[in-house]
Amino acid sequence: MEAQLDCSVQSDSKQTTFSKLVCFALLIAGVAVAPTALQESGGSPCPRCSGLVTLSENFDGVTPPALPTDWLATNALGPPPLWVTSNSGVPVPPSDTPPNAAFIDDPAVVSDKRLDSLHFPLAAASAQLTFQQNFNLEASGVDPNLGFDGGVLEVSFDGGNTFQDILAAGGSFVTGGYNRTIATDRGSPLAGRQAWSGDSEGFITTVVNLPFMPAGGRLRWRMASDSSGSGEGWRVDTININWCEPHPGCTPSPPPRPTPAPRPVPSAPPSPHGTPAFTPVPRPTP
């Protein structure tokens, strides 16, 4: 089995979640795995004795409406549907990488609909999340900063028992962050919080610097609606999480110390006289 596993990570990798989990298990057990293509070319963004790990999900390996293994959809409030995979419908386009994306509707009643990622198989420090999202959620047509229905990104450090907003947990948006604040007078479960709302007009890229993620941690995409009005919904696709993982048993060699340049030897100071002093010859005694 080990010989058949490709644990390298390339920019166009289609490696499945299952094979990644096995590769992670090999790393934990101290089994050597192949270096990444980036490392072999000398272009890895990771320091020596560590490799780039990529956890990916584009929802194309399942048949709609099923979710991938270890992904969880729940409705804390509101009627069905729950988060599903979808290959058609609004908002358009239906996916970033055809055919599927994760999708949730935006109903005209109070709802709280949640999509939890798979558990992190390893602790991840300095991880970065990138995903594509396409949303059309009810928002004010007068105030560009006000949303009525919206979506947020949350994180759990205890296996999915409790969650908090990604910003409150120490994460930060690089691009594609929250664009509105949810109204406080319409009964939304996200009232007063920053969120994605309004119309993204197609898929946009969101990049997030994650806080330290322990093994078993989870991410949550959470959509909440209020008691009036509706929208087309929210689509999430092409999720990638990258971080550098140390190679077991590898000791980085210290960098060579530079050889100091020879210091110039100072020349003797010049004589205070421009020419040698004249020594008189003694005159003979008469």
C-alpha atoms as a PDB file:
ATOM      1  CA  MET A   1       0.000   0.000   0.000  1.00  0.00           C
ATOM      2  CA  GLU A   2       2.771   2.437   0.882  1.00  0.00           C
ATOM      3  CA  ALA A   3       4.479   1.984  -2.487  1.00  0.00           C
ATOM      4  CA  GLN A   4       1.233   2.775  -4.299  1.00  0.00           C
ATOM      5  CA  LEU A   5       0.539   5.980  -2.390  1.00  0.00           C
ATOM      6  CA  ASP A   6       1.613   9.267  -3.900  1.00  0.00           C
ATOM      7  CA  CYS A   7       2.025  11.624  -0.963  1.00  0.00           C
ATOM      8  CA  SER A   8       3.534  14.391  -3.039  1.00  0.00           C
ATOM      9  CA  VAL A   9       1.521  17.573  -3.442  1.00  0.00           C
ATOM     10  CA  GLN A  10       1.467  19.314  -6.789  1.00  0.00           C
ATOM     11  CA  SER A  11      -0.309  22.448  -7.886  1.00  0.00           C
ATOM     12  CA  ASP A  12      -2.773  20.492 -10.028  1.00  0.00           C
ATOM     13  CA  SER A  13      -3.181  17.613  -7.564  1.00  0.00           C
ATOM     14  CA  LYS A  14      -6.386  15.569  -7.767  1.00  0.00           C
ATOM     15  CA  GLN A  15      -5.428  13.466  -4.757  1.00  0.00           C
ATOM     16  CA  THR A  16      -8.528  12.247  -2.910  1.00  0.00           C
ATOM     17  CA  THR A  17      -9.329  13.060   0.692  1.00  0.00           C
ATOM     18  CA  PHE A  18      -8.970   9.378   1.597  1.00  0.00           C
ATOM     19  CA  SER A  19      -5.435   9.049   0.231  1.00  0.00           C
ATOM     20  CA  LYS A  20      -4.484  12.294   1.966  1.00  0.00           C
ATOM     21  CA  LEU A  21      -5.655  10.903   5.283  1.00  0.00           C
ATOM     22  CA  VAL A  22      -3.514   7.797   4.760  1.00  0.00           C
ATOM     23  CA  CYS A  23      -0.531   9.984   3.891  1.00  0.00           C
ATOM     24  CA  PHE A  24      -1.108  12.011   7.048  1.00  0.00           C
ATOM     25  CA  ALA A  25      -1.224   8.777   9.033  1.00  0.00           C
ATOM     26  CA  LEU A  26       2.103   7.737   7.521  1.00  0.00           C
ATOM     27  CA  LEU A  27       3.585  11.059   8.558  1.00  0.00           C
ATOM     28  CA  ILE A  28       2.386  10.548  12.117  1.00  0.00           C
ATOM     29  CA  ALA A  29       3.826   7.034  12.179  1.00  0.00           C
ATOM     30  CA  GLY A  30       7.179   8.300  10.974  1.00  0.00           C
ATOM     31  CA  VAL A  31       7.048   6.560   7.606  1.00  0.00           C
ATOM     32  CA  ALA A  32       9.030   8.373   4.960  1.00  0.00           C
ATOM     33  CA  VAL A  33       6.959   9.797   2.125  1.00  0.00           C
ATOM     34  CA  ALA A  34       7.952  11.200  -1.236  1.00  0.00           C
ATOM     35  CA  PRO A  35       9.066  14.829  -1.292  1.00  0.00           C
ATOM     36  CA  THR A  36       6.825  17.297  -3.037  1.00  0.00           C
ATOM     37  CA  ALA A  37       7.504  18.387  -6.573  1.00  0.00           C
ATOM     38  CA  LEU A  38       8.137  21.867  -5.229  1.00  0.00           C
ATOM     39  CA  GLN A  39      10.819  20.565  -2.883  1.00  0.00           C
ATOM     40  CA  GLU A  40      12.516  18.594  -5.632  1.00  0.00           C
ATOM     41  CA  SER A  41      12.659  21.713  -7.765  1.00  0.00           C
ATOM     42  CA  GLY A  42      13.925  23.805  -4.883  1.00  0.00           C
ATOM     43  CA  GLY A  43      10.813  25.992  -5.021  1.00  0.00           C
ATOM     44  CA  SER A  44       8.950  24.848  -1.910  1.00  0.00           C
ATOM     45  CA  PRO A  45       7.527  27.651   0.221  1.00  0.00           C
ATOM     46  CA  CYS A  46       8.255  25.525   3.283  1.00  0.00           C
ATOM     47  CA  PRO A  47      11.535  25.492   5.240  1.00  0.00           C
ATOM     48  CA  ARG A  48      13.934  22.543   5.047  1.00  0.00           C
ATOM     49  CA  CYS A  49      12.733  19.286   6.603  1.00  0.00           C
ATOM     50  CA  SER A  50       9.078  20.143   6.011  1.00  0.00           C
ATOM     51  CA  GLY A  51       6.706  19.657   3.115  1.00  0.00           C
ATOM     52  CA  LEU A  52       3.655  21.470   1.793  1.00  0.00           C
ATOM     53  CA  VAL A  53       0.410  19.731   2.793  1.00  0.00           C
ATOM     54  CA  THR A  54      -2.776  20.532   0.876  1.00  0.00           C
ATOM     55  CA  LEU A  55      -6.222  19.463   2.018  1.00  0.00           C
ATOM     56  CA  SER A  56      -8.659  19.936  -0.874  1.00  0.00           C
ATOM     57  CA  GLU A  57     -12.361  19.534  -1.579  1.00  0.00           C
ATOM     58  CA  ASN A  58     -14.229  20.488  -4.761  1.00  0.00           C
ATOM     59  CA  PHE A  59     -17.348  18.338  -4.116  1.00  0.00           C
ATOM     60  CA  ASP A  60     -16.990  16.664  -7.523  1.00  0.00           C
ATOM     61  CA  GLY A  61     -16.340  13.161  -6.201  1.00  0.00           C
ATOM     62  CA  VAL A  62     -19.921  12.622  -4.993  1.00  0.00           C
ATOM     63  CA  THR A  63     -23.354  12.432  -6.586  1.00  0.00           C
ATOM     64  CA  PRO A  64     -25.692  15.295  -5.578  1.00  0.00           C
ATOM     65  CA  PRO A  65     -27.142  15.852  -3.051  1.00  0.00           C
ATOM     66  CA  ALA A  66     -24.635  13.746  -1.039  1.00  0.00           C
ATOM     67  CA  LEU A  67     -21.793  15.422   0.848  1.00  0.00           C
ATOM     68  CA  PRO A  68     -18.222  14.063   0.981  1.00  0.00           C
ATOM     69  CA  THR A  69     -17.203  11.765   3.830  1.00  0.00           C
ATOM     70  CA  ASP A  70     -16.916  13.465   7.257  1.00  0.00           C
ATOM     71  CA  TRP A  71     -18.674  16.633   6.080  1.00  0.00           C
ATOM     72  CA  LEU A  72     -21.760  17.444   8.184  1.00  0.00           C
ATOM     73  CA  ALA A  73     -24.872  19.516   7.398  1.00  0.00           C
ATOM     74  CA  THR A  74     -27.303  20.594  10.142  1.00  0.00           C
ATOM     75  CA  ASN A  75     -30.195  23.026  10.503  1.00  0.00           C
ATOM     76  CA  ALA A  76     -30.215  24.622  13.948  1.00  0.00           C
ATOM     77  CA  LEU A  77     -33.324  26.585  12.899  1.00  0.00           C
ATOM     78  CA  GLY A  78     -35.634  26.597   9.911  1.00  0.00           C
ATOM     79  CA  PRO A  79     -37.045  24.105   7.423  1.00  0.00           C
ATOM     80  CA  PRO A  80     -35.196  21.843   4.946  1.00  0.00           C
ATOM     81  CA  PRO A  81     -33.197  21.713   2.820  1.00  0.00           C
ATOM     82  CA  LEU A  82     -29.867  21.336   4.545  1.00  0.00           C
ATOM     83  CA  TRP A  83     -26.553  22.073   2.831  1.00  0.00           C
ATOM     84  CA  VAL A  84     -26.177  19.704  -0.158  1.00  0.00           C
ATOM     85  CA  THR A  85     -24.021  19.297  -3.221  1.00  0.00           C
ATOM     86  CA  SER A  86     -25.616  20.790  -6.323  1.00  0.00           C
ATOM     87  CA  ASN A  87     -24.849  20.989 -10.048  1.00  0.00           C
ATOM     88  CA  SER A  88     -27.644  23.306 -11.224  1.00  0.00           C
ATOM     89  CA  GLY A  89     -29.864  26.189 -10.228  1.00  0.00           C
ATOM     90  CA  VAL A  90     -29.228  29.657  -8.802  1.00  0.00           C
ATOM     91  CA  PRO A  91     -27.163  31.587  -8.070  1.00  0.00           C
ATOM     92  CA  VAL A  92     -25.346  31.051 -11.351  1.00  0.00           C
ATOM     93  CA  PRO A  93     -22.931  29.658 -12.256  1.00  0.00           C
ATOM     94  CA  PRO A  94     -23.725  26.539 -10.182  1.00  0.00           C
ATOM     95  CA  SER A  95     -20.055  25.632  -9.565  1.00  0.00           C
ATOM     96  CA  ASP A  96     -16.518  26.947  -9.792  1.00  0.00           C
ATOM     97  CA  THR A  97     -15.112  23.569 -10.896  1.00  0.00           C
ATOM     98  CA  PRO A  98     -17.905  21.623 -12.652  1.00  0.00           C
ATOM     99  CA  PRO A  99     -20.022  19.816 -11.966  1.00  0.00           C
ATOM    100  CA  ASN A 100     -20.691  20.303  -8.225  1.00  0.00           C
ATOM    101  CA  ALA A 101     -20.526  22.856  -5.445  1.00  0.00           C
ATOM    102  CA  ALA A 102     -21.894  22.911  -1.907  1.00  0.00           C
ATOM    103  CA  PHE A 103     -25.194  24.829  -1.808  1.00  0.00           C
ATOM    104  CA  ILE A 104     -27.728  26.205   0.667  1.00  0.00           C
ATOM    105  CA  ASP A 105     -30.941  28.126  -0.008  1.00  0.00           C
ATOM    106  CA  ASP A 106     -31.958  31.499   1.479  1.00  0.00           C
ATOM    107  CA  PRO A 107     -35.574  31.158   2.683  1.00  0.00           C
ATOM    108  CA  ALA A 108     -38.067  33.856   3.738  1.00  0.00           C
ATOM    109  CA  VAL A 109     -38.175  32.571   7.340  1.00  0.00           C
ATOM    110  CA  VAL A 110     -35.727  32.550  10.237  1.00  0.00           C
ATOM    111  CA  SER A 111     -33.143  29.832   9.629  1.00  0.00           C
ATOM    112  CA  ASP A 112     -29.653  28.823  10.761  1.00  0.00           C
ATOM    113  CA  LYS A 113     -28.031  26.364   8.331  1.00  0.00           C
ATOM    114  CA  ARG A 114     -24.557  24.982   8.892  1.00  0.00           C
ATOM    115  CA  LEU A 115     -21.964  23.060   6.869  1.00  0.00           C
ATOM    116  CA  ASP A 116     -19.060  21.613   8.890  1.00  0.00           C
ATOM    117  CA  SER A 117     -15.854  20.501   7.184  1.00  0.00           C
ATOM    118  CA  LEU A 118     -14.105  17.211   7.796  1.00  0.00           C
ATOM    119  CA  HIS A 119     -11.983  17.051  10.965  1.00  0.00           C
ATOM    120  CA  PHE A 120      -8.387  18.222  10.542  1.00  0.00           C
ATOM    121  CA  PRO A 121      -6.320  14.997  10.518  1.00  0.00           C
ATOM    122  CA  LEU A 122      -3.224  16.778  11.895  1.00  0.00           C
ATOM    123  CA  ALA A 123      -2.492  19.927  13.813  1.00  0.00           C
ATOM    124  CA  ALA A 124      -1.814  22.762  11.385  1.00  0.00           C
ATOM    125  CA  ALA A 125       0.185  25.886  12.169  1.00  0.00           C
ATOM    126  CA  SER A 126       0.178  28.931   9.877  1.00  0.00           C
ATOM    127  CA  ALA A 127      -2.437  27.312   7.620  1.00  0.00           C
ATOM    128  CA  GLN A 128      -4.119  29.290   4.849  1.00  0.00           C
ATOM    129  CA  LEU A 129      -7.618  28.583   3.542  1.00  0.00           C
ATOM    130  CA  THR A 130      -8.676  29.479   0.001  1.00  0.00           C
ATOM    131  CA  PHE A 131     -12.170  28.894  -1.348  1.00  0.00           C
ATOM    132  CA  GLN A 132     -14.546  30.120  -4.042  1.00  0.00           C
ATOM    133  CA  GLN A 133     -18.015  31.387  -3.149  1.00  0.00           C
ATOM    134  CA  ASN A 134     -21.035  32.626  -5.061  1.00  0.00           C
ATOM    135  CA  PHE A 135     -23.831  34.189  -3.011  1.00  0.00           C
ATOM    136  CA  ASN A 136     -27.028  36.160  -3.524  1.00  0.00           C
ATOM    137  CA  LEU A 137     -28.435  36.736  -0.043  1.00  0.00           C
ATOM    138  CA  GLU A 138     -31.114  39.262   0.973  1.00  0.00           C
ATOM    139  CA  ALA A 139     -29.585  42.649   1.771  1.00  0.00           C
ATOM    140  CA  SER A 140     -30.547  46.300   1.905  1.00  0.00           C
ATOM    141  CA  GLY A 141     -30.874  48.013  -1.447  1.00  0.00           C
ATOM    142  CA  VAL A 142     -30.348  51.395   0.217  1.00  0.00           C
ATOM    143  CA  ASP A 143     -27.477  50.868   2.654  1.00  0.00           C
ATOM    144  CA  PRO A 144     -24.534  49.003   1.012  1.00  0.00           C
ATOM    145  CA  ASN A 145     -23.189  48.086   4.452  1.00  0.00           C
ATOM    146  CA  LEU A 146     -26.381  46.430   5.729  1.00  0.00           C
ATOM    147  CA  GLY A 147     -27.382  42.797   5.202  1.00  0.00           C
ATOM    148  CA  PHE A 148     -30.562  40.944   6.200  1.00  0.00           C
ATOM    149  CA  ASP A 149     -29.560  37.335   5.399  1.00  0.00           C
ATOM    150  CA  GLY A 150     -25.889  36.397   5.444  1.00  0.00           C
ATOM    151  CA  GLY A 151     -23.131  33.844   5.679  1.00  0.00           C
ATOM    152  CA  VAL A 152     -20.123  33.575   7.988  1.00  0.00           C
ATOM    153  CA  LEU A 153     -17.075  31.350   8.447  1.00  0.00           C
ATOM    154  CA  GLU A 154     -16.581  29.810  11.885  1.00  0.00           C
ATOM    155  CA  VAL A 155     -13.988  27.529  13.455  1.00  0.00           C
ATOM    156  CA  SER A 156     -13.965  24.845  16.147  1.00  0.00           C
ATOM    157  CA  PHE A 157     -10.926  23.830  18.192  1.00  0.00           C
ATOM    158  CA  ASP A 158     -12.702  21.015  20.075  1.00  0.00           C
ATOM    159  CA  GLY A 159     -13.814  18.659  17.332  1.00  0.00           C
ATOM    160  CA  GLY A 160     -17.007  20.499  16.442  1.00  0.00           C
ATOM    161  CA  ASN A 161     -18.583  20.916  19.888  1.00  0.00           C
ATOM    162  CA  THR A 162     -18.292  24.714  19.950  1.00  0.00           C
ATOM    163  CA  PHE A 163     -17.645  27.265  17.212  1.00  0.00           C
ATOM    164  CA  GLN A 164     -16.687  30.926  17.031  1.00  0.00           C
ATOM    165  CA  ASP A 165     -16.286  33.413  14.204  1.00  0.00           C
ATOM    166  CA  ILE A 166     -13.000  33.076  12.339  1.00  0.00           C
ATOM    167  CA  LEU A 167     -12.022  36.666  13.181  1.00  0.00           C
ATOM    168  CA  ALA A 168     -12.826  36.301  16.884  1.00  0.00           C
ATOM    169  CA  ALA A 169     -10.710  33.124  16.930  1.00  0.00           C
ATOM    170  CA  GLY A 170      -7.609  34.913  15.633  1.00  0.00           C
ATOM    171  CA  GLY A 171      -7.927  34.378  11.885  1.00  0.00           C
ATOM    172  CA  SER A 172      -7.750  37.133   9.304  1.00  0.00           C
ATOM    173  CA  PHE A 173      -8.953  37.716   5.753  1.00  0.00           C
ATOM    174  CA  VAL A 174      -6.349  38.286   3.046  1.00  0.00           C
ATOM    175  CA  THR A 175      -8.967  38.907   0.363  1.00  0.00           C
ATOM    176  CA  GLY A 176     -12.709  38.403  -0.098  1.00  0.00           C
ATOM    177  CA  GLY A 177     -13.642  39.097   3.532  1.00  0.00           C
ATOM    178  CA  TYR A 178     -17.007  40.051   5.028  1.00  0.00           C
ATOM    179  CA  ASN A 179     -18.755  42.875   3.171  1.00  0.00           C
ATOM    180  CA  ARG A 180     -21.790  43.788   5.342  1.00  0.00           C
ATOM    181  CA  THR A 181     -23.206  43.784   8.875  1.00  0.00           C
ATOM    182  CA  ILE A 182     -26.448  41.876   9.571  1.00  0.00           C
ATOM    183  CA  ALA A 183     -29.449  43.932  10.740  1.00  0.00           C
ATOM    184  CA  THR A 184     -30.411  43.652  14.400  1.00  0.00           C
ATOM    185  CA  ASP A 185     -34.194  44.182  14.054  1.00  0.00           C
ATOM    186  CA  ARG A 186     -35.351  41.210  11.942  1.00  0.00           C
ATOM    187  CA  GLY A 187     -34.632  38.148  14.059  1.00  0.00           C
ATOM    188  CA  SER A 188     -31.545  36.823  12.273  1.00  0.00           C
ATOM    189  CA  PRO A 189     -29.390  34.436  14.328  1.00  0.00           C
ATOM    190  CA  LEU A 190     -26.408  36.443  13.021  1.00  0.00           C
ATOM    191  CA  ALA A 191     -27.828  39.846  14.034  1.00  0.00           C
ATOM    192  CA  GLY A 192     -25.129  42.480  14.486  1.00  0.00           C
ATOM    193  CA  ARG A 193     -22.347  40.318  13.053  1.00  0.00           C
ATOM    194  CA  GLN A 194     -20.123  40.978  10.055  1.00  0.00           C
ATOM    195  CA  ALA A 195     -21.027  38.591   7.226  1.00  0.00           C
ATOM    196  CA  TRP A 196     -21.191  38.011   3.493  1.00  0.00           C
ATOM    197  CA  SER A 197     -24.474  39.371   2.152  1.00  0.00           C
ATOM    198  CA  GLY A 198     -25.934  40.862  -0.991  1.00  0.00           C
ATOM    199  CA  ASP A 199     -24.947  39.670  -4.471  1.00  0.00           C
ATOM    200  CA  SER A 200     -21.377  38.569  -5.235  1.00  0.00           C
ATOM    201  CA  GLU A 201     -22.293  38.469  -8.961  1.00  0.00           C
ATOM    202  CA  GLY A 202     -20.631  35.094  -9.502  1.00  0.00           C
ATOM    203  CA  PHE A 203     -17.801  33.254  -7.814  1.00  0.00           C
ATOM    204  CA  ILE A 204     -15.251  35.292  -5.884  1.00  0.00           C
ATOM    205  CA  THR A 205     -12.037  34.158  -4.187  1.00  0.00           C
ATOM    206  CA  THR A 206     -11.704  34.291  -0.412  1.00  0.00           C
ATOM    207  CA  VAL A 207      -8.323  33.744   1.266  1.00  0.00           C
ATOM    208  CA  VAL A 208      -8.099  33.353   5.050  1.00  0.00           C
ATOM    209  CA  ASN A 209      -5.107  33.057   7.363  1.00  0.00           C
ATOM    210  CA  LEU A 210      -6.245  30.467   9.905  1.00  0.00           C
ATOM    211  CA  PRO A 211      -5.331  30.416  13.587  1.00  0.00           C
ATOM    212  CA  PHE A 212      -3.499  27.346  14.896  1.00  0.00           C
ATOM    213  CA  MET A 213      -5.716  24.344  14.111  1.00  0.00           C
ATOM    214  CA  PRO A 214      -5.441  21.348  16.432  1.00  0.00           C
ATOM    215  CA  ALA A 215      -6.007  17.834  15.167  1.00  0.00           C
ATOM    216  CA  GLY A 216      -9.772  17.312  15.099  1.00  0.00           C
ATOM    217  CA  GLY A 217     -10.547  20.980  14.442  1.00  0.00           C
ATOM    218  CA  ARG A 218     -13.278  21.906  11.971  1.00  0.00           C
ATOM    219  CA  LEU A 219     -14.407  24.815   9.827  1.00  0.00           C
ATOM    220  CA  ARG A 220     -18.058  25.836   9.412  1.00  0.00           C
ATOM    221  CA  TRP A 221     -19.844  27.739   6.640  1.00  0.00           C
ATOM    222  CA  ARG A 222     -23.006  29.104   8.317  1.00  0.00           C
ATOM    223  CA  MET A 223     -25.936  30.825   6.591  1.00  0.00           C
ATOM    224  CA  ALA A 224     -28.717  32.546   8.563  1.00  0.00           C
ATOM    225  CA  SER A 225     -31.873  34.266   7.321  1.00  0.00           C
ATOM    226  CA  ASP A 226     -34.434  36.547   8.983  1.00  0.00           C
ATOM    227  CA  SER A 227     -38.223  36.644   9.151  1.00  0.00           C
ATOM    228  CA  SER A 228     -38.902  38.446   5.864  1.00  0.00           C
ATOM    229  CA  GLY A 229     -37.560  38.394   2.346  1.00  0.00           C
ATOM    230  CA  SER A 230     -35.366  35.790   0.676  1.00  0.00           C
ATOM    231  CA  GLY A 231     -32.502  35.371  -1.761  1.00  0.00           C
ATOM    232  CA  GLU A 232     -31.129  32.830  -4.207  1.00  0.00           C
ATOM    233  CA  GLY A 233     -28.703  31.169  -1.806  1.00  0.00           C
ATOM    234  CA  TRP A 234     -24.998  30.509  -1.289  1.00  0.00           C
ATOM    235  CA  ARG A 235     -22.546  28.236  -3.137  1.00  0.00           C
ATOM    236  CA  VAL A 236     -19.084  27.212  -1.886  1.00  0.00           C
ATOM    237  CA  ASP A 237     -16.520  25.368  -4.021  1.00  0.00           C
ATOM    238  CA  THR A 238     -12.804  24.646  -4.599  1.00  0.00           C
ATOM    239  CA  ILE A 239     -11.675  24.593  -0.977  1.00  0.00           C
ATOM    240  CA  ASN A 240      -7.906  24.341  -0.369  1.00  0.00           C
ATOM    241  CA  ILE A 241      -6.099  24.422   2.983  1.00  0.00           C
ATOM    242  CA  ASN A 242      -2.280  24.601   2.881  1.00  0.00           C
ATOM    243  CA  TRP A 243       0.321  24.354   5.607  1.00  0.00           C
ATOM    244  CA  CYS A 244       3.899  23.135   6.134  1.00  0.00           C
ATOM    245  CA  GLU A 245       4.307  19.783   7.934  1.00  0.00           C
ATOM    246  CA  PRO A 246       7.695  18.702   9.382  1.00  0.00           C
ATOM    247  CA  HIS A 247       9.210  15.504   7.953  1.00  0.00           C
ATOM    248  CA  PRO A 248       9.710  12.962  10.775  1.00  0.00           C
ATOM    249  CA  GLY A 249      13.361  12.233  11.613  1.00  0.00           C
ATOM    250  CA  CYS A 250      14.745  14.993   9.457  1.00  0.00           C
ATOM    251  CA  THR A 251      17.316  17.355  10.953  1.00  0.00           C
ATOM    252  CA  PRO A 252      17.949  20.516   9.002  1.00  0.00           C
ATOM    253  CA  SER A 253      21.640  21.122   8.384  1.00  0.00           C
ATOM    254  CA  PRO A 254      22.888  24.463   9.675  1.00  0.00           C
ATOM    255  CA  PRO A 255      23.584  27.024   6.978  1.00  0.00           C
ATOM    256  CA  PRO A 256      27.286  27.414   6.124  1.00  0.00           C
ATOM    257  CA  ARG A 257      29.041  30.253   7.874  1.00  0.00           C
ATOM    258  CA  PRO A 258      30.295  32.841   5.430  1.00  0.00           C
ATOM    259  CA  THR A 259      34.082  33.179   5.151  1.00  0.00           C
ATOM    260  CA  PRO A 260      35.047  36.646   6.314  1.00  0.00           C
ATOM    261  CA  ALA A 261      36.852  38.799   3.806  1.00  0.00           C
ATOM    262  CA  PRO A 262      40.545  39.382   4.630  1.00  0.00           C
ATOM    263  CA  ARG A 263      41.122  42.581   6.489  1.00  0.00           C
ATOM    264  CA  PRO A 264      43.606  44.952   4.826  1.00  0.00           C
ATOM    265  CA  VAL A 265      46.917  45.374   6.642  1.00  0.00           C
ATOM    266  CA  PRO A 266      47.506  49.054   7.369  1.00  0.00           C
ATOM    267  CA  SER A 267      50.670  50.525   5.821  1.00  0.00           C
ATOM    268  CA  ALA A 268      53.381  52.166   7.944  1.00  0.00           C
ATOM    269  CA  PRO A 269      52.650  55.782   8.760  1.00  0.00           C
ATOM    270  CA  PRO A 270      54.515  58.249   6.556  1.00  0.00           C
ATOM    271  CA  SER A 271      57.548  60.113   7.850  1.00  0.00           C
ATOM    272  CA  PRO A 272      56.794  63.522   9.286  1.00  0.00           C
ATOM    273  CA  HIS A 273      59.277  64.927   6.725  1.00  0.00           C
ATOM    274  CA  GLY A 274      58.716  64.678   3.064  1.00  0.00           C
ATOM    275  CA  THR A 275      62.372  63.651   2.494  1.00  0.00           C
ATOM    276  CA  PRO A 276      64.813  61.737   4.661  1.00  0.00           C
ATOM    277  CA  ALA A 277      66.622  63.894   7.236  1.00  0.00           C
ATOM    278  CA  PHE A 278      70.191  64.958   6.202  1.00  0.00           C
ATOM    279  CA  THR A 279      72.854  63.394   8.417  1.00  0.00           C
ATOM    280  CA  PRO A 280      75.950  65.698   8.513  1.00  0.00           C
ATOM    281  CA  VAL A 281      79.345  64.071   7.873  1.00  0.00           C
ATOM    282  CA  PRO A 282      81.854  64.850  10.703  1.00  0.00           C
ATOM    283  CA  ARG A 283      84.651  67.250   9.569  1.00  0.00           C
ATOM    284  CA  PRO A 284      88.228  66.053  10.042  1.00  0.00           C
ATOM    285  CA  THR A 285      90.171  67.493  12.992  1.00  0.00           C
ATOM    286  CA  PRO A 286      92.924  69.937  11.873  1.00  0.00           C
END
